[in-house]
């Protein structure tokens, strides 16, 4: 199947031939659907804290994090182009003619663009847009009055203007302040000060980037970090990484044969955000906060987000300390049945882990089974009430061995032709806002090797095209889905105000982003 030149290309990426063969088998056989057992709810698998517990954990946060290395991990490689889907569609249909203007004012398909134009002066990038048009001898107000909206949109998106279509979300202006505007990078820096600052007055933050945006990011971070370090009397340790070539996946044609470029070389594609488990694995920290680049709010609304970051981190550290104490006993001595019963109750009630083994099993073997279940990375995931947002949520999932565990599941992982599965998915009460706090060291202080805890069977296959030819592409198990499938997982309810993503440009017109 592969020539000597193919093998050279594969190995240059740091990928083994065995890995490529496994990927091709996945294309041929497909990935199995997730077997949902039940939604995780407040009554079963999802914790909700009382006001008393909340106050106690916030107060305990400084002591909980003492002597621990904290870091905020922000997946930030996504391009902003999807934010402007409605604007792109508009420019293809609208020429500025009288007929088009009439359609614009009446057709439902232009509703999003009408909202964009109506609120244009409320966007943080408005003054920049106004200036770049002025340099081209164009008055933005005049073009609004003449209803030549396509020109305004063109200057927002194209390289002759602000070039927002080609920039990453991380570098777009999201929020306006009296002293100027902020990008998501700015907001994440400011937010992490409140829960990642250590005793030496440092705050660590890590961004994942795409190769094409690296230089723009470095230029921007160099300027902005200095400003906020002076403003808040802090020293940032900013690091970044890019998706590794070794996590790329091979593409195949519709017959599941390797897809070849015009020059007969193999086509590889990025493995999706699940590939970032490798980047996360390279992080040297004790406690890692994970939050998406576009889920940020202005300072006026940050308090609740910061409070719940402290709550779920304090809770995670408390669970971790208890697990560590039990592991020390389990490994150092043979224990009696009463101790194991106490431990099993903790695992069931606090970690949602049910230990299933024959009562007649020797106690030493029971200990080994429990050690294997407890000696893993741990994550506490904030979940918001489901209000119809598309995406994943918290569920009880049954694996091929019949074991049931808590997982974050996306709709693409579900067999929607199966009514039972579809009904379980639809009955979910909560939604995944990607608000995670992770403990990645074992009870001896050693880092876990995170790729060991990936469920390789939870990838995803989609049909794409290249040079007019159809192909099949594979995404690796999602970062907070299959890539963390074998972690200890705990779900906690967090307020809806902590979830304010910017998926479309008009989301910036919401009250939460003003």
Protein backbone atom coordinates (compact mmCIF):
# COMPACT_ATOMS: atom_id res chain seq x y z
CA UNK A 1 0.00 0.00 0.00
CA UNK A 2 2.81 2.40 0.86
CA UNK A 3 5.89 3.17 -1.22
CA UNK A 4 9.31 3.97 0.19
CA UNK A 5 8.55 7.65 -0.43
CA UNK A 6 5.25 7.32 1.48
CA UNK A 7 7.04 5.77 4.45
CA UNK A 8 9.57 8.58 4.41
CA UNK A 9 6.73 11.16 4.44
CA UNK A 10 4.94 9.35 7.29
CA UNK A 11 8.04 9.01 9.43
CA UNK A 12 9.01 12.66 8.84
CA UNK A 13 5.81 13.57 10.72
CA UNK A 14 6.79 11.37 13.63
CA UNK A 15 3.97 8.90 12.92
CA UNK A 16 4.47 5.13 12.90
CA UNK A 17 3.28 2.92 10.05
CA UNK A 18 1.33 0.92 12.63
CA UNK A 19 -0.60 4.06 13.63
CA UNK A 20 -1.46 4.78 9.98
CA UNK A 21 -2.65 1.19 9.46
CA UNK A 22 -4.89 1.50 12.53
CA UNK A 23 -6.34 4.75 11.20
CA UNK A 24 -7.15 3.13 7.86
CA UNK A 25 -8.86 0.26 9.69
CA UNK A 26 -10.96 2.83 11.54
CA UNK A 27 -12.00 4.33 8.19
CA UNK A 28 -13.00 0.88 6.96
CA UNK A 29 -14.81 -0.23 10.08
CA UNK A 30 -16.01 3.13 11.42
CA UNK A 31 -16.16 4.19 15.06
CA UNK A 32 -18.81 2.67 17.31
CA UNK A 33 -21.48 4.98 18.69
CA UNK A 34 -21.43 5.83 22.38
CA UNK A 35 -23.82 3.69 24.42
CA UNK A 36 -25.69 6.15 26.63
CA UNK A 37 -27.00 4.70 29.88
CA UNK A 38 -28.63 7.85 31.34
CA UNK A 39 -28.14 11.60 31.56
CA UNK A 40 -26.16 12.87 34.54
CA UNK A 41 -28.56 14.92 36.66
CA UNK A 42 -28.58 16.61 40.07
CA UNK A 43 -30.20 13.48 41.47
CA UNK A 44 -27.76 11.12 39.78
CA UNK A 45 -24.17 12.03 38.99
CA UNK A 46 -24.09 15.83 39.12
CA UNK A 47 -23.37 17.80 42.27
CA UNK A 48 -24.95 21.09 43.27
CA UNK A 49 -23.42 23.01 46.17
CA UNK A 50 -25.33 24.85 48.86
CA UNK A 51 -24.59 28.50 49.61
CA UNK A 52 -22.82 27.42 52.79
CA UNK A 53 -20.58 25.00 50.86
CA UNK A 54 -19.84 27.70 48.27
CA UNK A 55 -18.73 30.23 50.89
CA UNK A 56 -16.63 27.62 52.69
CA UNK A 57 -14.80 26.52 49.52
CA UNK A 58 -14.11 30.07 48.32
CA UNK A 59 -12.65 30.86 51.74
CA UNK A 60 -10.57 27.66 51.65
CA UNK A 61 -9.15 28.34 48.16
CA UNK A 62 -5.92 30.16 49.17
CA UNK A 63 -4.93 27.35 51.53
CA UNK A 64 -5.96 24.64 49.04
CA UNK A 65 -3.71 25.95 46.28
CA UNK A 66 -0.72 26.77 48.48
CA UNK A 67 2.48 25.14 47.21
CA UNK A 68 0.71 23.98 44.05
CA UNK A 69 1.69 25.05 40.55
CA UNK A 70 -1.44 26.40 38.82
CA UNK A 71 -1.84 27.04 35.09
CA UNK A 72 -4.63 28.10 32.77
CA UNK A 73 -4.78 26.18 29.45
CA UNK A 74 -6.63 27.93 26.62
CA UNK A 75 -7.27 26.16 23.28
CA UNK A 76 -6.94 29.18 20.97
CA UNK A 77 -6.04 27.86 17.53
CA UNK A 78 -9.50 28.23 15.97
CA UNK A 79 -9.92 30.65 13.08
CA UNK A 80 -12.62 33.30 13.34
CA UNK A 81 -14.10 32.59 9.90
CA UNK A 82 -17.07 30.63 11.31
CA UNK A 83 -18.09 33.69 13.33
CA UNK A 84 -18.85 35.46 10.07
CA UNK A 85 -20.78 32.75 8.24
CA UNK A 86 -23.87 34.97 7.80
CA UNK A 87 -21.77 37.88 6.57
CA UNK A 88 -19.97 35.70 4.02
CA UNK A 89 -23.30 34.44 2.70
CA UNK A 90 -24.57 38.02 2.52
CA UNK A 91 -21.67 39.27 0.39
CA UNK A 92 -22.35 36.52 -2.15
CA UNK A 93 -25.96 37.67 -2.60
CA UNK A 94 -25.86 41.43 -2.07
CA UNK A 95 -24.54 43.88 -4.66
CA UNK A 96 -26.08 47.08 -3.35
CA UNK A 97 -28.68 47.35 -6.10
CA UNK A 98 -32.16 48.69 -5.29
CA UNK A 99 -33.59 45.21 -5.70
CA UNK A 100 -31.02 43.75 -3.30
CA UNK A 101 -31.68 46.51 -0.77
CA UNK A 102 -35.39 45.73 -0.89
CA UNK A 103 -34.68 42.04 -0.32
CA UNK A 104 -32.27 42.89 2.50
CA UNK A 105 -34.93 44.78 4.41
CA UNK A 106 -37.56 42.05 4.12
CA UNK A 107 -36.02 38.59 3.80
CA UNK A 108 -35.53 36.44 6.90
CA UNK A 109 -32.25 35.13 5.51
CA UNK A 110 -30.74 38.58 6.08
CA UNK A 111 -31.96 38.95 9.68
CA UNK A 112 -28.51 38.35 11.20
CA UNK A 113 -26.91 40.92 8.89
CA UNK A 114 -29.61 43.48 9.71
CA UNK A 115 -28.83 42.98 13.40
CA UNK A 116 -25.12 43.37 12.64
CA UNK A 117 -25.64 46.68 10.82
CA UNK A 118 -28.07 47.98 13.43
CA UNK A 119 -25.61 47.33 16.23
CA UNK A 120 -22.41 48.11 14.33
CA UNK A 121 -21.41 51.06 16.54
CA UNK A 122 -21.61 48.82 19.62
CA UNK A 123 -18.85 46.48 18.44
CA UNK A 124 -15.42 46.96 20.01
CA UNK A 125 -13.89 46.89 16.52
CA UNK A 126 -16.12 49.68 15.17
CA UNK A 127 -13.57 52.49 15.53
CA UNK A 128 -10.92 50.38 13.78
CA UNK A 129 -13.35 49.63 10.96
CA UNK A 130 -14.22 53.30 10.67
CA UNK A 131 -10.51 54.25 10.48
CA UNK A 132 -9.55 51.65 7.89
CA UNK A 133 -12.42 52.75 5.65
CA UNK A 134 -11.43 56.39 6.16
CA UNK A 135 -7.91 55.61 4.96
CA UNK A 136 -9.52 54.37 1.74
CA UNK A 137 -11.41 57.69 1.51
CA UNK A 138 -14.71 56.03 2.52
CA UNK A 139 -17.07 57.31 5.21
CA UNK A 140 -18.69 54.39 7.07
CA UNK A 141 -21.71 56.48 8.08
CA UNK A 142 -22.28 57.50 4.48
CA UNK A 143 -22.16 53.86 3.38
CA UNK A 144 -24.65 52.91 6.07
CA UNK A 145 -26.95 55.71 4.94
CA UNK A 146 -26.65 54.61 1.29
CA UNK A 147 -27.28 51.01 2.40
CA UNK A 148 -24.06 49.84 0.74
CA UNK A 149 -23.58 47.29 3.46
CA UNK A 150 -21.50 44.87 1.34
CA UNK A 151 -18.65 47.40 1.26
CA UNK A 152 -18.66 47.69 5.05
CA UNK A 153 -18.64 43.91 5.45
CA UNK A 154 -15.85 43.62 2.88
CA UNK A 155 -13.67 46.03 4.88
CA UNK A 156 -14.33 44.05 8.04
CA UNK A 157 -13.48 40.66 6.59
CA UNK A 158 -10.98 41.13 3.75
CA UNK A 159 -7.23 41.87 3.92
CA UNK A 160 -7.77 45.33 2.44
CA UNK A 161 -9.56 46.22 5.68
CA UNK A 162 -9.33 44.60 9.13
CA UNK A 163 -8.91 41.10 7.67
CA UNK A 164 -11.00 39.53 10.43
CA UNK A 165 -11.93 36.51 8.30
CA UNK A 166 -8.32 35.29 8.37
CA UNK A 167 -7.50 36.10 11.98
CA UNK A 168 -7.90 33.77 14.96
CA UNK A 169 -10.67 34.54 17.44
CA UNK A 170 -7.95 35.21 20.00
CA UNK A 171 -6.93 38.43 18.22
CA UNK A 172 -10.33 39.95 17.46
CA UNK A 173 -11.54 42.90 19.51
CA UNK A 174 -14.40 41.64 21.70
CA UNK A 175 -15.00 44.18 24.47
CA UNK A 176 -14.81 47.96 24.80
CA UNK A 177 -13.48 49.72 27.92
CA UNK A 178 -12.88 53.37 28.71
CA UNK A 179 -9.14 52.85 28.28
CA UNK A 180 -9.50 50.88 25.04
CA UNK A 181 -10.65 47.53 23.69
CA UNK A 182 -9.74 43.99 24.65
CA UNK A 183 -9.30 40.78 22.72
CA UNK A 184 -9.99 37.33 24.20
CA UNK A 185 -6.26 37.10 24.95
CA UNK A 186 -6.53 40.21 27.13
CA UNK A 187 -9.60 38.90 28.93
CA UNK A 188 -8.02 35.52 29.66
CA UNK A 189 -4.90 37.20 31.04
CA UNK A 190 -6.95 39.41 33.34
CA UNK A 191 -9.21 36.56 34.45
CA UNK A 192 -6.40 34.16 35.29
CA UNK A 193 -4.81 36.70 37.65
CA UNK A 194 -7.69 36.13 40.06
CA UNK A 195 -7.21 32.38 40.48
CA UNK A 196 -3.74 31.51 39.13
CA UNK A 197 -1.63 34.11 40.96
CA UNK A 198 0.98 32.38 43.16
CA UNK A 199 2.87 33.54 46.25
CA UNK A 200 5.67 34.90 44.05
CA UNK A 201 3.14 37.09 42.20
CA UNK A 202 3.27 35.05 38.99
CA UNK A 203 0.37 33.77 36.90
CA UNK A 204 0.87 31.01 34.32
CA UNK A 205 -1.20 30.76 31.15
CA UNK A 206 -0.76 28.56 28.07
CA UNK A 207 -2.35 29.08 24.65
CA UNK A 208 -2.50 26.54 21.84
CA UNK A 209 -2.02 28.14 18.42
CA UNK A 210 -2.09 27.26 14.75
CA UNK A 211 1.16 27.64 12.80
CA UNK A 212 -0.13 30.45 10.59
CA UNK A 213 -1.05 32.67 13.55
CA UNK A 214 2.11 32.20 15.62
CA UNK A 215 3.91 35.44 14.69
CA UNK A 216 0.77 37.58 15.10
CA UNK A 217 0.18 36.04 18.54
CA UNK A 218 3.78 36.65 19.66
CA UNK A 219 3.69 40.26 18.48
CA UNK A 220 0.43 40.89 20.31
CA UNK A 221 1.29 39.12 23.56
CA UNK A 222 4.58 40.98 23.81
CA UNK A 223 2.73 44.31 23.91
CA UNK A 224 -0.34 43.40 25.90
CA UNK A 225 1.29 41.42 28.72
CA UNK A 226 3.48 44.40 29.64
CA UNK A 227 0.43 46.64 29.91
CA UNK A 228 -1.46 44.27 32.23
CA UNK A 229 1.61 43.43 34.30
CA UNK A 230 1.95 47.12 35.15
CA UNK A 231 -1.79 47.66 35.60
CA UNK A 232 -2.31 44.70 37.98
CA UNK A 233 1.17 44.36 39.51
CA UNK A 234 1.61 40.82 38.22
CA UNK A 235 4.17 38.85 36.24
CA UNK A 236 2.73 36.56 33.58
CA UNK A 237 4.47 33.42 32.46
CA UNK A 238 2.91 33.00 29.02
CA UNK A 239 3.65 29.85 27.08
CA UNK A 240 2.21 28.47 23.88
CA UNK A 241 2.27 25.36 21.72
CA UNK A 242 1.09 24.19 18.34
CA UNK A 243 -0.57 20.97 17.34
CA UNK A 244 2.11 18.35 16.74
CA UNK A 245 2.55 16.94 13.20
CA UNK A 246 2.57 13.50 14.81
CA UNK A 247 -1.12 13.97 15.70
CA UNK A 248 -2.17 14.55 12.08
CA UNK A 249 -4.36 11.83 10.59
CA UNK A 250 -4.20 10.37 7.12
CA UNK A 251 -7.04 11.12 4.69
CA UNK A 252 -8.59 8.42 2.49
CA UNK A 253 -10.78 8.39 -0.58
CA UNK A 254 -14.33 7.05 -0.52
CA UNK A 255 -12.95 3.52 -1.08
CA UNK A 256 -10.85 3.88 2.06
CA UNK A 257 -7.59 3.99 0.14
CA UNK A 258 -5.01 6.68 1.04
CA UNK A 259 -5.93 9.98 -0.62
CA UNK A 260 -3.17 11.31 -2.82
CA UNK A 261 -2.34 14.85 -3.84
CA UNK A 262 -1.66 15.86 -7.45
CA UNK A 263 2.04 15.10 -6.89
CA UNK A 264 1.13 11.62 -5.56
CA UNK A 265 2.05 12.42 -1.95
CA UNK A 266 -0.22 11.37 0.90
CA UNK A 267 -2.68 13.88 2.32
CA UNK A 268 -2.68 14.41 6.07
CA UNK A 269 -5.11 16.58 8.03
CA UNK A 270 -5.03 18.01 11.58
CA UNK A 271 -6.49 15.56 14.08
CA UNK A 272 -8.93 18.05 15.66
CA UNK A 273 -8.84 19.46 19.17
CA UNK A 274 -8.45 15.94 20.57
CA UNK A 275 -4.84 16.14 19.39
CA UNK A 276 -4.30 18.74 22.13
CA UNK A 277 -4.10 15.98 24.75
CA UNK A 278 -0.45 15.81 23.64
CA UNK A 279 -0.03 19.53 24.31
CA UNK A 280 -1.76 19.18 27.67
CA UNK A 281 0.50 16.25 28.50
CA UNK A 282 3.57 18.45 27.98
CA UNK A 283 2.41 21.02 30.54
CA UNK A 284 4.41 21.06 33.76
CA UNK A 285 1.84 22.03 36.38
CA UNK A 286 -0.09 20.48 39.26
CA UNK A 287 -3.53 21.99 38.67
CA UNK A 288 -4.69 22.97 35.18
CA UNK A 289 -7.75 25.12 34.42
CA UNK A 290 -9.15 24.59 30.91
CA UNK A 291 -11.37 27.13 29.21
CA UNK A 292 -12.12 27.90 25.56
CA UNK A 293 -10.78 31.08 23.97
CA UNK A 294 -14.20 32.57 23.17
CA UNK A 295 -15.86 31.98 26.54
CA UNK A 296 -15.02 35.26 28.26
CA UNK A 297 -16.88 38.27 29.66
CA UNK A 298 -15.96 41.87 30.53
CA UNK A 299 -14.68 42.70 34.02
CA UNK A 300 -18.15 43.72 35.20
CA UNK A 301 -19.30 40.09 34.93
CA UNK A 302 -16.13 38.20 35.87
CA UNK A 303 -16.85 37.81 39.58
CA UNK A 304 -19.13 34.78 39.29
CA UNK A 305 -16.78 33.04 36.85
CA UNK A 306 -13.82 33.58 39.18
CA UNK A 307 -15.82 32.44 42.21
CA UNK A 308 -16.79 29.15 40.58
CA UNK A 309 -13.27 28.55 39.29
CA UNK A 310 -12.16 28.69 42.91
CA UNK A 311 -15.04 26.45 44.03
CA UNK A 312 -14.46 23.63 41.56
CA UNK A 313 -10.68 23.82 42.08
CA UNK A 314 -11.04 23.63 45.86
CA UNK A 315 -13.44 20.73 45.50
CA UNK A 316 -11.13 18.91 43.09
CA UNK A 317 -8.12 19.35 45.38
CA UNK A 318 -10.13 18.03 48.32
CA UNK A 319 -11.12 14.90 46.39
CA UNK A 320 -7.56 14.46 45.19
CA UNK A 321 -6.16 14.65 48.72
CA UNK A 322 -8.63 12.02 49.92
CA UNK A 323 -7.75 9.75 46.99
CA UNK A 324 -4.04 10.16 47.74
CA UNK A 325 -4.53 9.21 51.41
CA UNK A 326 -6.41 6.08 50.44
CA UNK A 327 -3.81 5.12 47.82
CA UNK A 328 -0.98 5.39 50.35
CA UNK A 329 -2.82 2.92 52.60
CA UNK A 330 -3.76 0.63 49.71
CA UNK A 331 -0.21 0.35 48.43
CA UNK A 332 1.63 0.19 51.75
CA UNK A 333 -0.39 -2.41 53.64
CA UNK A 334 -3.00 -5.14 53.39
CA UNK A 335 -6.31 -3.81 54.65
CA UNK A 336 -9.41 -5.36 56.14
CA UNK A 337 -12.88 -5.61 54.61
CA UNK A 338 -14.30 -2.77 56.74
CA UNK A 339 -11.71 -0.32 55.35
CA UNK A 340 -12.48 -1.44 51.80
CA UNK A 341 -16.20 -0.95 52.45
CA UNK A 342 -15.49 2.62 53.61
CA UNK A 343 -13.37 3.24 50.52
CA UNK A 344 -15.98 1.76 48.17
CA UNK A 345 -18.60 4.08 49.69
CA UNK A 346 -16.36 7.11 49.07
CA UNK A 347 -15.77 6.02 45.48
CA UNK A 348 -19.48 5.55 44.84
CA UNK A 349 -20.77 8.65 46.64
CA UNK A 350 -18.04 11.17 45.79
CA UNK A 351 -16.43 9.88 42.59
CA UNK A 352 -19.36 8.02 41.00
CA UNK A 353 -17.18 4.92 40.65
CA UNK A 354 -18.78 1.57 41.40
CA UNK A 355 -16.37 -1.26 42.18
CA UNK A 356 -17.73 -4.54 40.89
CA UNK A 357 -15.89 -7.70 41.88
CA UNK A 358 -16.83 -11.05 43.46
CA UNK A 359 -17.06 -10.95 47.24
CA UNK A 360 -14.94 -14.11 47.33
CA UNK A 361 -12.03 -12.36 45.60
CA UNK A 362 -8.91 -12.25 47.83
CA UNK A 363 -8.54 -8.87 49.54
CA UNK A 364 -5.14 -8.28 47.93
CA UNK A 365 -6.69 -8.56 44.47
CA UNK A 366 -9.53 -6.22 45.51
CA UNK A 367 -6.92 -3.68 46.54
CA UNK A 368 -5.19 -3.94 43.17
CA UNK A 369 -8.47 -3.34 41.34
CA UNK A 370 -9.24 -0.28 43.48
CA UNK A 371 -5.71 1.09 43.04
CA UNK A 372 -6.10 0.85 39.26
CA UNK A 373 -9.39 2.78 39.43
CA UNK A 374 -8.10 5.51 41.74
CA UNK A 375 -4.57 6.10 40.46
CA UNK A 376 -5.65 8.24 37.49
CA UNK A 377 -5.85 11.89 36.46
CA UNK A 378 -8.90 13.64 37.89
CA UNK A 379 -11.08 16.40 36.47
CA UNK A 380 -13.97 18.34 37.94
CA UNK A 381 -16.16 19.73 35.15
CA UNK A 382 -18.54 22.64 35.56
CA UNK A 383 -21.92 22.08 33.89
CA UNK A 384 -24.63 24.66 33.18
CA UNK A 385 -28.36 24.05 32.87
CA UNK A 386 -29.33 23.07 29.34
CA UNK A 387 -31.10 25.93 27.58
CA UNK A 388 -30.97 24.56 24.05
CA UNK A 389 -27.34 25.29 23.15
CA UNK A 390 -25.93 22.83 20.57
CA UNK A 391 -23.14 20.59 21.78
CA UNK A 392 -22.28 18.02 24.39
CA UNK A 393 -23.38 17.29 27.91
CA UNK A 394 -22.83 15.05 30.96
CA UNK A 395 -23.95 11.44 30.69
CA UNK A 396 -23.58 8.00 32.20
CA UNK A 397 -22.00 5.85 29.48
CA UNK A 398 -21.62 2.09 29.20
CA UNK A 399 -18.43 0.78 27.57
CA UNK A 400 -17.94 -2.48 25.69
CA UNK A 401 -17.08 -4.28 28.94
CA UNK A 402 -20.37 -3.19 30.50
CA UNK A 403 -18.73 -0.71 32.88
CA UNK A 404 -20.64 2.53 33.47
CA UNK A 405 -18.86 5.86 33.95
CA UNK A 406 -19.46 9.60 33.68
CA UNK A 407 -18.46 11.13 30.32
CA UNK A 408 -18.93 14.33 28.35
CA UNK A 409 -20.69 13.30 25.14
CA UNK A 410 -21.21 15.22 21.87
CA UNK A 411 -24.22 14.75 19.59
CA UNK A 412 -21.95 13.41 16.83
CA UNK A 413 -21.16 10.41 19.06
CA UNK A 414 -24.82 9.35 19.28
CA UNK A 415 -26.77 7.00 17.03
CA UNK A 416 -29.76 9.28 16.45
CA UNK A 417 -31.52 6.50 14.51
CA UNK A 418 -31.81 4.64 17.81
CA UNK A 419 -34.87 6.15 19.54
CA UNK A 420 -33.75 5.07 23.01
CA UNK A 421 -30.35 6.69 22.60
CA UNK A 422 -31.86 9.82 21.05
CA UNK A 423 -34.36 10.11 23.91
CA UNK A 424 -31.61 9.79 26.55
CA UNK A 425 -29.55 12.46 24.82
CA UNK A 426 -32.57 14.76 24.52
CA UNK A 427 -33.43 14.34 28.19
CA UNK A 428 -30.13 15.81 29.37
CA UNK A 429 -30.66 18.57 31.94
CA UNK A 430 -27.20 20.12 31.63
CA UNK A 431 -24.73 21.30 29.01
CA UNK A 432 -20.93 21.22 28.77
CA UNK A 433 -19.48 24.75 28.78
CA UNK A 434 -15.86 23.48 28.79
CA UNK A 435 -15.05 24.61 32.32
CA UNK A 436 -12.58 22.07 33.67
CA UNK A 437 -10.11 21.87 36.53
CA UNK A 438 -7.66 19.01 36.20
CA UNK A 439 -5.30 17.24 38.58
CA UNK A 440 -2.56 15.60 36.51
CA UNK A 441 -0.11 14.25 39.11
CA UNK A 442 -0.28 11.00 41.06
CA UNK A 443 -0.05 10.58 44.84
CA UNK A 444 3.77 10.49 44.63
CA UNK A 445 3.91 13.76 42.69
CA UNK A 446 4.67 12.17 39.33
CA UNK A 447 2.95 13.41 36.19
CA UNK A 448 0.46 11.04 34.61
CA UNK A 449 1.14 10.22 30.94
CA UNK A 450 -2.19 11.49 29.65
CA UNK A 451 -2.27 9.65 26.27
CA UNK A 452 -2.58 6.41 28.29
CA UNK A 453 -6.10 7.45 29.32
CA UNK A 454 -7.54 8.07 25.83
CA UNK A 455 -10.38 5.92 24.46
CA UNK A 456 -9.16 5.39 20.90
CA UNK A 457 -12.60 4.19 19.80
CA UNK A 458 -14.26 7.58 20.23
CA UNK A 459 -12.91 9.34 17.14
CA UNK A 460 -15.00 10.87 14.39
CA UNK A 461 -15.08 10.52 10.59
CA UNK A 462 -16.41 13.20 8.23
CA UNK A 463 -16.58 13.70 4.46
CA UNK A 464 -14.57 16.64 3.09
CA UNK A 465 -13.22 17.61 -0.32
CA UNK A 466 -9.84 18.56 -1.77
CA UNK A 467 -9.30 19.93 -5.27
CA UNK A 468 -12.84 18.92 -6.19
CA UNK A 469 -12.43 15.33 -4.97
CA UNK A 470 -14.32 13.85 -2.02
CA UNK A 471 -12.33 12.41 0.84
CA UNK A 472 -12.82 11.05 4.33
CA UNK A 473 -11.14 12.78 7.25
CA UNK A 474 -10.65 11.57 10.80
CA UNK A 475 -10.68 13.54 14.02
CA UNK A 476 -9.05 12.07 17.11
CA UNK A 477 -11.08 11.55 20.30
CA UNK A 478 -12.13 15.01 21.53
CA UNK A 479 -10.01 16.67 24.21
CA UNK A 480 -12.73 16.57 26.90
CA UNK A 481 -14.57 13.58 25.38
CA UNK A 482 -12.65 10.44 24.44
CA UNK A 483 -9.23 11.92 25.19
CA UNK A 484 -10.18 12.08 28.89
CA UNK A 485 -12.47 9.04 28.89
CA UNK A 486 -10.43 7.09 31.45
CA UNK A 487 -9.95 9.96 33.91
CA UNK A 488 -11.79 10.19 37.21
CA UNK A 489 -14.63 12.54 36.28
CA UNK A 490 -16.85 14.60 38.58
CA UNK A 491 -19.60 16.96 37.38
CA UNK A 492 -20.64 20.10 39.27
CA UNK A 493 -23.40 22.56 38.41
CA UNK A 494 -22.17 26.10 37.72
CA UNK A 495 -24.28 29.21 36.95
CA UNK A 496 -25.29 29.94 33.37
CA UNK A 497 -23.57 33.35 33.55
CA UNK A 498 -20.21 31.51 33.50
CA UNK A 499 -20.96 30.35 29.94
CA UNK A 500 -20.85 33.16 27.39
CA UNK A 501 -19.19 31.89 24.20
CA UNK A 502 -18.90 33.97 21.04
CA UNK A 503 -19.87 31.65 18.19
CA UNK A 504 -21.17 34.37 15.83
CA UNK A 505 -20.19 38.01 15.56
CA UNK A 506 -23.65 39.06 16.75
CA UNK A 507 -23.07 37.28 20.06
CA UNK A 508 -20.91 40.31 20.87
CA UNK A 509 -24.09 42.38 20.90
CA UNK A 510 -25.50 40.42 23.83
CA UNK A 511 -25.65 42.28 27.17
CA UNK A 512 -23.06 39.85 28.57
CA UNK A 513 -20.44 41.20 26.16
CA UNK A 514 -21.02 44.91 26.61
